[in-house]
PDB file of N, CA and C in Angstrom:
ATOM      1  N   MET A   1       3.308  23.497 -15.704  1.00  0.00           N
ATOM      2  CA  MET A   1       2.794  22.208 -16.116  1.00  0.00           C
ATOM      3  C   MET A   1       1.356  22.373 -16.599  1.00  0.00           C
ATOM      4  N   ASP A   2       1.064  21.858 -17.784  1.00  0.00           N
ATOM      5  CA  ASP A   2      -0.266  21.966 -18.366  1.00  0.00           C
ATOM      6  C   ASP A   2      -1.152  20.873 -17.779  1.00  0.00           C
ATOM      7  N   THR A   3      -2.272  21.270 -17.201  1.00  0.00           N
ATOM      8  CA  THR A   3      -3.156  20.307 -16.555  1.00  0.00           C
ATOM      9  C   THR A   3      -4.496  20.185 -17.266  1.00  0.00           C
ATOM     10  N   TRP A   4      -4.609  20.767 -18.456  1.00  0.00           N
ATOM     11  CA  TRP A   4      -5.863  20.699 -19.209  1.00  0.00           C
ATOM     12  C   TRP A   4      -5.908  19.417 -20.014  1.00  0.00           C
ATOM     13  N   THR A   5      -7.009  18.715 -19.977  1.00  0.00           N
ATOM     14  CA  THR A   5      -7.283  17.588 -20.853  1.00  0.00           C
ATOM     15  C   THR A   5      -8.591  17.898 -21.544  1.00  0.00           C
ATOM     16  N   MET A   6      -8.590  17.896 -22.873  1.00  0.00           N
ATOM     17  CA  MET A   6      -9.806  18.215 -23.607  1.00  0.00           C
ATOM     18  C   MET A   6     -10.409  16.938 -24.169  1.00  0.00           C
ATOM     19  N   HIS A   7     -11.730  16.852 -24.122  1.00  0.00           N
ATOM     20  CA  HIS A   7     -12.481  15.744 -24.685  1.00  0.00           C
ATOM     21  C   HIS A   7     -13.280  16.302 -25.844  1.00  0.00           C
ATOM     22  N   THR A   8     -13.097  15.740 -27.007  1.00  0.00           N
ATOM     23  CA  THR A   8     -13.863  16.223 -28.154  1.00  0.00           C
ATOM     24  C   THR A   8     -14.790  15.122 -28.641  1.00  0.00           C
ATOM     25  N   ASP A   9     -15.882  15.508 -29.220  1.00  0.00           N
ATOM     26  CA  ASP A   9     -16.900  14.586 -29.696  1.00  0.00           C
ATOM     27  C   ASP A   9     -17.558  15.237 -30.896  1.00  0.00           C
ATOM     28  N   SER A  10     -17.817  14.462 -31.927  1.00  0.00           N
ATOM     29  CA  SER A  10     -18.410  15.031 -33.134  1.00  0.00           C
ATOM     30  C   SER A  10     -19.920  15.232 -33.001  1.00  0.00           C
ATOM     31  N   THR A  11     -20.540  14.690 -31.959  1.00  0.00           N
ATOM     32  CA  THR A  11     -21.966  14.835 -31.742  1.00  0.00           C
ATOM     33  C   THR A  11     -22.262  16.159 -31.054  1.00  0.00           C
ATOM     34  N   LYS A  12     -23.203  16.914 -31.603  1.00  0.00           N
ATOM     35  CA  LYS A  12     -23.606  18.172 -30.963  1.00  0.00           C
ATOM     36  C   LYS A  12     -24.446  17.850 -29.744  1.00  0.00           C
ATOM     37  N   ARG A  13     -24.098  18.486 -28.622  1.00  0.00           N
ATOM     38  CA  ARG A  13     -24.858  18.279 -27.395  1.00  0.00           C
ATOM     39  C   ARG A  13     -25.210  19.628 -26.793  1.00  0.00           C
ATOM     40  N   SER A  14     -26.312  19.640 -26.111  1.00  0.00           N
ATOM     41  CA  SER A  14     -26.754  20.841 -25.404  1.00  0.00           C
ATOM     42  C   SER A  14     -26.980  20.486 -23.955  1.00  0.00           C
ATOM     43  N   CYS A  15     -27.172  21.518 -23.153  1.00  0.00           N
ATOM     44  CA  CYS A  15     -27.466  21.287 -21.743  1.00  0.00           C
ATOM     45  C   CYS A  15     -28.482  22.308 -21.270  1.00  0.00           C
ATOM     46  N   ARG A  16     -29.140  21.970 -20.189  1.00  0.00           N
ATOM     47  CA  ARG A  16     -30.107  22.861 -19.554  1.00  0.00           C
ATOM     48  C   ARG A  16     -29.488  23.308 -18.248  1.00  0.00           C
ATOM     49  N   LEU A  17     -29.498  24.607 -18.007  1.00  0.00           N
ATOM     50  CA  LEU A  17     -28.920  25.142 -16.773  1.00  0.00           C
ATOM     51  C   LEU A  17     -29.819  24.799 -15.598  1.00  0.00           C
ATOM     52  N   LEU A  18     -29.225  24.312 -14.519  1.00  0.00           N
ATOM     53  CA  LEU A  18     -29.975  23.945 -13.323  1.00  0.00           C
ATOM     54  C   LEU A  18     -29.982  25.060 -12.281  1.00  0.00           C
ATOM     55  N   LYS A  19     -29.130  26.051 -12.491  1.00  0.00           N
ATOM     56  CA  LYS A  19     -29.060  27.193 -11.582  1.00  0.00           C
ATOM     57  C   LYS A  19     -28.559  28.390 -12.373  1.00  0.00           C
ATOM     58  N   PRO A  20     -28.752  29.589 -11.888  1.00  0.00           N
ATOM     59  CA  PRO A  20     -28.253  30.765 -12.617  1.00  0.00           C
ATOM     60  C   PRO A  20     -26.722  30.715 -12.771  1.00  0.00           C
ATOM     61  N   ILE A  21     -26.266  31.052 -13.966  1.00  0.00           N
ATOM     62  CA  ILE A  21     -24.841  31.040 -14.307  1.00  0.00           C
ATOM     63  C   ILE A  21     -24.482  32.420 -14.834  1.00  0.00           C
ATOM     64  N   ARG A  22     -23.326  32.914 -14.467  1.00  0.00           N
ATOM     65  CA  ARG A  22     -22.832  34.182 -15.001  1.00  0.00           C
ATOM     66  C   ARG A  22     -21.860  33.887 -16.138  1.00  0.00           C
ATOM     67  N   ASP A  23     -22.087  34.515 -17.311  1.00  0.00           N
ATOM     68  CA  ASP A  23     -21.165  34.312 -18.428  1.00  0.00           C
ATOM     69  C   ASP A  23     -19.961  35.248 -18.281  1.00  0.00           C
ATOM     70  N   GLN A  24     -19.028  35.178 -19.217  1.00  0.00           N
ATOM     71  CA  GLN A  24     -17.792  35.967 -19.126  1.00  0.00           C
ATOM     72  C   GLN A  24     -18.033  37.467 -19.223  1.00  0.00           C
ATOM     73  N   GLN A  25     -19.187  37.882 -19.773  1.00  0.00           N
ATOM     74  CA  GLN A  25     -19.520  39.302 -19.858  1.00  0.00           C
ATOM     75  C   GLN A  25     -20.267  39.783 -18.613  1.00  0.00           C
ATOM     76  N   GLY A  26     -20.507  38.882 -17.654  1.00  0.00           N
ATOM     77  CA  GLY A  26     -21.166  39.257 -16.415  1.00  0.00           C
ATOM     78  C   GLY A  26     -22.678  39.144 -16.435  1.00  0.00           C
ATOM     79  N   ARG A  27     -23.244  38.665 -17.543  1.00  0.00           N
ATOM     80  CA  ARG A  27     -24.700  38.494 -17.620  1.00  0.00           C
ATOM     81  C   ARG A  27     -25.109  37.211 -16.912  1.00  0.00           C
ATOM     82  N   THR A  28     -26.215  37.261 -16.199  1.00  0.00           N
ATOM     83  CA  THR A  28     -26.730  36.070 -15.533  1.00  0.00           C
ATOM     84  C   THR A  28     -27.635  35.319 -16.493  1.00  0.00           C
ATOM     85  N   ARG A  29     -27.384  34.030 -16.632  1.00  0.00           N
ATOM     86  CA  ARG A  29     -28.160  33.164 -17.535  1.00  0.00           C
ATOM     87  C   ARG A  29     -28.893  32.129 -16.700  1.00  0.00           C
ATOM     88  N   PHE A  30     -30.113  31.773 -17.117  1.00  0.00           N
ATOM     89  CA  PHE A  30     -30.808  30.681 -16.461  1.00  0.00           C
ATOM     90  C   PHE A  30     -31.752  29.952 -17.402  1.00  0.00           C
ATOM     91  N   GLU A  31     -32.483  30.673 -18.217  1.00  0.00           N
ATOM     92  CA  GLU A  31     -33.474  30.066 -19.106  1.00  0.00           C
ATOM     93  C   GLU A  31     -32.849  29.496 -20.381  1.00  0.00           C
ATOM     94  N   ASP A  32     -31.557  29.647 -20.565  1.00  0.00           N
ATOM     95  CA  ASP A  32     -30.882  29.253 -21.797  1.00  0.00           C
ATOM     96  C   ASP A  32     -30.643  27.739 -21.857  1.00  0.00           C
ATOM     97  N   THR A  33     -30.456  27.256 -23.073  1.00  0.00           N
ATOM     98  CA  THR A  33     -30.042  25.879 -23.327  1.00  0.00           C
ATOM     99  C   THR A  33     -28.798  25.957 -24.215  1.00  0.00           C
ATOM    100  N   PRO A  34     -27.622  26.164 -23.597  1.00  0.00           N
ATOM    101  CA  PRO A  34     -26.412  26.357 -24.392  1.00  0.00           C
ATOM    102  C   PRO A  34     -25.896  25.054 -25.003  1.00  0.00           C
ATOM    103  N   GLU A  35     -25.107  25.208 -26.057  1.00  0.00           N
ATOM    104  CA  GLU A  35     -24.439  24.088 -26.715  1.00  0.00           C
ATOM    105  C   GLU A  35     -23.146  23.788 -25.965  1.00  0.00           C
ATOM    106  N   ILE A  36     -22.860  22.514 -25.765  1.00  0.00           N
ATOM    107  CA  ILE A  36     -21.585  22.118 -25.167  1.00  0.00           C
ATOM    108  C   ILE A  36     -20.543  22.119 -26.280  1.00  0.00           C
ATOM    109  N   VAL A  37     -19.548  22.973 -26.146  1.00  0.00           N
ATOM    110  CA  VAL A  37     -18.504  23.104 -27.159  1.00  0.00           C
ATOM    111  C   VAL A  37     -17.382  22.106 -26.893  1.00  0.00           C
ATOM    112  N   ARG A  38     -17.061  21.931 -25.609  1.00  0.00           N
ATOM    113  CA  ARG A  38     -15.909  21.104 -25.259  1.00  0.00           C
ATOM    114  C   ARG A  38     -16.030  20.651 -23.806  1.00  0.00           C
ATOM    115  N   GLU A  39     -15.473  19.476 -23.514  1.00  0.00           N
ATOM    116  CA  GLU A  39     -15.340  18.991 -22.142  1.00  0.00           C
ATOM    117  C   GLU A  39     -13.865  19.076 -21.781  1.00  0.00           C
ATOM    118  N   VAL A  40     -13.566  19.526 -20.585  1.00  0.00           N
ATOM    119  CA  VAL A  40     -12.172  19.636 -20.151  1.00  0.00           C
ATOM    120  C   VAL A  40     -12.026  19.130 -18.722  1.00  0.00           C
ATOM    121  N   ASP A  41     -10.851  18.614 -18.435  1.00  0.00           N
ATOM    122  CA  ASP A  41     -10.453  18.267 -17.076  1.00  0.00           C
ATOM    123  C   ASP A  41      -9.283  19.173 -16.740  1.00  0.00           C
ATOM    124  N   ASN A  42      -9.411  19.931 -15.651  1.00  0.00           N
ATOM    125  CA  ASN A  42      -8.363  20.855 -15.233  1.00  0.00           C
ATOM    126  C   ASN A  42      -8.225  20.765 -13.720  1.00  0.00           C
ATOM    127  N   LEU A  43      -7.023  20.462 -13.264  1.00  0.00           N
ATOM    128  CA  LEU A  43      -6.759  20.356 -11.826  1.00  0.00           C
ATOM    129  C   LEU A  43      -7.761  19.426 -11.144  1.00  0.00           C
ATOM    130  N   GLU A  44      -8.017  18.285 -11.783  1.00  0.00           N
ATOM    131  CA  GLU A  44      -8.918  17.257 -11.271  1.00  0.00           C
ATOM    132  C   GLU A  44     -10.372  17.710 -11.178  1.00  0.00           C
ATOM    133  N   ARG A  45     -10.738  18.740 -11.973  1.00  0.00           N
ATOM    134  CA  ARG A  45     -12.123  19.211 -12.043  1.00  0.00           C
ATOM    135  C   ARG A  45     -12.626  19.011 -13.465  1.00  0.00           C
ATOM    136  N   HIS A  46     -13.783  18.407 -13.602  1.00  0.00           N
ATOM    137  CA  HIS A  46     -14.396  18.203 -14.915  1.00  0.00           C
ATOM    138  C   HIS A  46     -15.304  19.396 -15.193  1.00  0.00           C
ATOM    139  N   MET A  47     -15.192  19.990 -16.378  1.00  0.00           N
ATOM    140  CA  MET A  47     -15.988  21.160 -16.739  1.00  0.00           C
ATOM    141  C   MET A  47     -16.425  21.057 -18.192  1.00  0.00           C
ATOM    142  N   TYR A  48     -17.447  21.831 -18.525  1.00  0.00           N
ATOM    143  CA  TYR A  48     -17.911  21.975 -19.905  1.00  0.00           C
ATOM    144  C   TYR A  48     -17.727  23.430 -20.320  1.00  0.00           C
ATOM    145  N   LEU A  49     -17.218  23.645 -21.525  1.00  0.00           N
ATOM    146  CA  LEU A  49     -17.236  24.971 -22.128  1.00  0.00           C
ATOM    147  C   LEU A  49     -18.527  25.020 -22.931  1.00  0.00           C
ATOM    148  N   VAL A  50     -19.400  25.976 -22.613  1.00  0.00           N
ATOM    149  CA  VAL A  50     -20.686  26.074 -23.299  1.00  0.00           C
ATOM    150  C   VAL A  50     -20.785  27.396 -24.054  1.00  0.00           C
ATOM    151  N   ARG A  51     -21.574  27.360 -25.143  1.00  0.00           N
ATOM    152  CA  ARG A  51     -21.795  28.564 -25.957  1.00  0.00           C
ATOM    153  C   ARG A  51     -23.290  28.832 -26.011  1.00  0.00           C
ATOM    154  N   PHE A  52     -23.653  30.066 -25.692  1.00  0.00           N
ATOM    155  CA  PHE A  52     -25.055  30.485 -25.717  1.00  0.00           C
ATOM    156  C   PHE A  52     -25.430  30.931 -27.125  1.00  0.00           C
ATOM    157  N   ASP A  53     -26.722  31.108 -27.373  1.00  0.00           N
ATOM    158  CA  ASP A  53     -27.219  31.479 -28.707  1.00  0.00           C
ATOM    159  C   ASP A  53     -26.609  32.770 -29.234  1.00  0.00           C
ATOM    160  N   ASP A  54     -26.273  33.702 -28.341  1.00  0.00           N
ATOM    161  CA  ASP A  54     -25.695  34.967 -28.784  1.00  0.00           C
ATOM    162  C   ASP A  54     -24.176  34.900 -28.956  1.00  0.00           C
ATOM    163  N   GLY A  55     -23.591  33.714 -28.794  1.00  0.00           N
ATOM    164  CA  GLY A  55     -22.152  33.518 -29.008  1.00  0.00           C
ATOM    165  C   GLY A  55     -21.304  33.609 -27.758  1.00  0.00           C
ATOM    166  N   ALA A  56     -21.859  34.067 -26.643  1.00  0.00           N
ATOM    167  CA  ALA A  56     -21.104  34.150 -25.386  1.00  0.00           C
ATOM    168  C   ALA A  56     -20.761  32.743 -24.902  1.00  0.00           C
ATOM    169  N   THR A  57     -19.595  32.592 -24.297  1.00  0.00           N
ATOM    170  CA  THR A  57     -19.162  31.302 -23.772  1.00  0.00           C
ATOM    171  C   THR A  57     -18.777  31.426 -22.303  1.00  0.00           C
ATOM    172  N   THR A  58     -18.841  30.302 -21.616  1.00  0.00           N
ATOM    173  CA  THR A  58     -18.376  30.234 -20.238  1.00  0.00           C
ATOM    174  C   THR A  58     -18.183  28.770 -19.864  1.00  0.00           C
ATOM    175  N   PHE A  59     -17.464  28.524 -18.784  1.00  0.00           N
ATOM    176  CA  PHE A  59     -17.289  27.181 -18.267  1.00  0.00           C
ATOM    177  C   PHE A  59     -18.329  26.911 -17.192  1.00  0.00           C
ATOM    178  N   VAL A  60     -18.860  25.695 -17.174  1.00  0.00           N
ATOM    179  CA  VAL A  60     -19.795  25.269 -16.136  1.00  0.00           C
ATOM    180  C   VAL A  60     -19.354  23.900 -15.623  1.00  0.00           C
ATOM    181  N   PHE A  61     -19.757  23.592 -14.413  1.00  0.00           N
ATOM    182  CA  PHE A  61     -19.463  22.295 -13.816  1.00  0.00           C
ATOM    183  C   PHE A  61     -20.644  21.349 -14.059  1.00  0.00           C
ATOM    184  N   PRO A  62     -20.392  20.043 -14.079  1.00  0.00           N
ATOM    185  CA  PRO A  62     -21.476  19.078 -14.348  1.00  0.00           C
ATOM    186  C   PRO A  62     -22.671  19.200 -13.402  1.00  0.00           C
ATOM    187  N   HIS A  63     -22.470  19.582 -12.155  1.00  0.00           N
ATOM    188  CA  HIS A  63     -23.601  19.693 -11.221  1.00  0.00           C
ATOM    189  C   HIS A  63     -24.459  20.935 -11.497  1.00  0.00           C
ATOM    190  N   GLU A  64     -24.009  21.814 -12.391  1.00  0.00           N
ATOM    191  CA  GLU A  64     -24.753  23.029 -12.717  1.00  0.00           C
ATOM    192  C   GLU A  64     -25.654  22.869 -13.937  1.00  0.00           C
ATOM    193  N   VAL A  65     -25.527  21.720 -14.638  1.00  0.00           N
ATOM    194  CA  VAL A  65     -26.273  21.512 -15.883  1.00  0.00           C
ATOM    195  C   VAL A  65     -26.837  20.106 -15.965  1.00  0.00           C
ATOM    196  N   GLU A  66     -27.811  19.959 -16.851  1.00  0.00           N
ATOM    197  CA  GLU A  66     -28.356  18.655 -17.206  1.00  0.00           C
ATOM    198  C   GLU A  66     -28.159  18.497 -18.708  1.00  0.00           C
ATOM    199  N   ILE A  67     -27.525  17.415 -19.128  1.00  0.00           N
ATOM    200  CA  ILE A  67     -27.278  17.186 -20.551  1.00  0.00           C
ATOM    201  C   ILE A  67     -28.619  16.893 -21.239  1.00  0.00           C
ATOM    202  N   VAL A  68     -28.846  17.550 -22.382  1.00  0.00           N
ATOM    203  CA  VAL A  68     -30.064  17.365 -23.163  1.00  0.00           C
ATOM    204  C   VAL A  68     -29.706  16.536 -24.377  1.00  0.00           C
ATOM    205  N   GLU A  69     -30.438  15.464 -24.578  1.00  0.00           N
ATOM    206  CA  GLU A  69     -30.188  14.621 -25.718  1.00  0.00           C
ATOM    207  C   GLU A  69     -30.564  15.343 -27.014  1.00  0.00           C
ATOM    208  N   ALA A  70     -29.760  15.173 -28.036  1.00  0.00           N
ATOM    209  CA  ALA A  70     -30.032  15.820 -29.322  1.00  0.00           C
ATOM    210  C   ALA A  70     -31.269  15.192 -29.959  1.00  0.00           C
ATOM    211  N   ALA A  71     -32.103  16.031 -30.521  1.00  0.00           N
ATOM    212  CA  ALA A  71     -33.295  15.548 -31.219  1.00  0.00           C
ATOM    213  C   ALA A  71     -32.869  14.951 -32.553  1.00  0.00           C
ATOM    214  N   PRO A  72     -33.494  13.874 -32.978  1.00  0.00           N
ATOM    215  CA  PRO A  72     -33.118  13.281 -34.267  1.00  0.00           C
ATOM    216  C   PRO A  72     -33.406  14.236 -35.416  1.00  0.00           C
ATOM    217  N   ALA A  73     -32.494  14.269 -36.376  1.00  0.00           N
ATOM    218  CA  ALA A  73     -32.654  15.137 -37.561  1.00  0.00           C
ATOM    219  C   ALA A  73     -33.531  14.438 -38.588  1.00  0.00           C
ATOM    220  N   PHE A  74     -34.414  15.200 -39.226  1.00  0.00           N
ATOM    221  CA  PHE A  74     -35.301  14.635 -40.247  1.00  0.00           C
ATOM    222  C   PHE A  74     -34.866  15.084 -41.585  1.00  0.00           C
TER     223      PHE A  74
END
């Protein structure tokens, strides 16, 4: 049974890490401000798929990040 629900949004959003996070390659991230690629609900857990500047991605939970409002484009 598929339990993934994806939330998509056309607005680009970023987040600030509130604690050290390990990406899929095993690197520890903390000072980064990754882009939120997708929001998902899986097994009653809400998560964000985030992408770092170097292209690495990982899932984070909402309590691990703070959403950063997008700066207005000029």
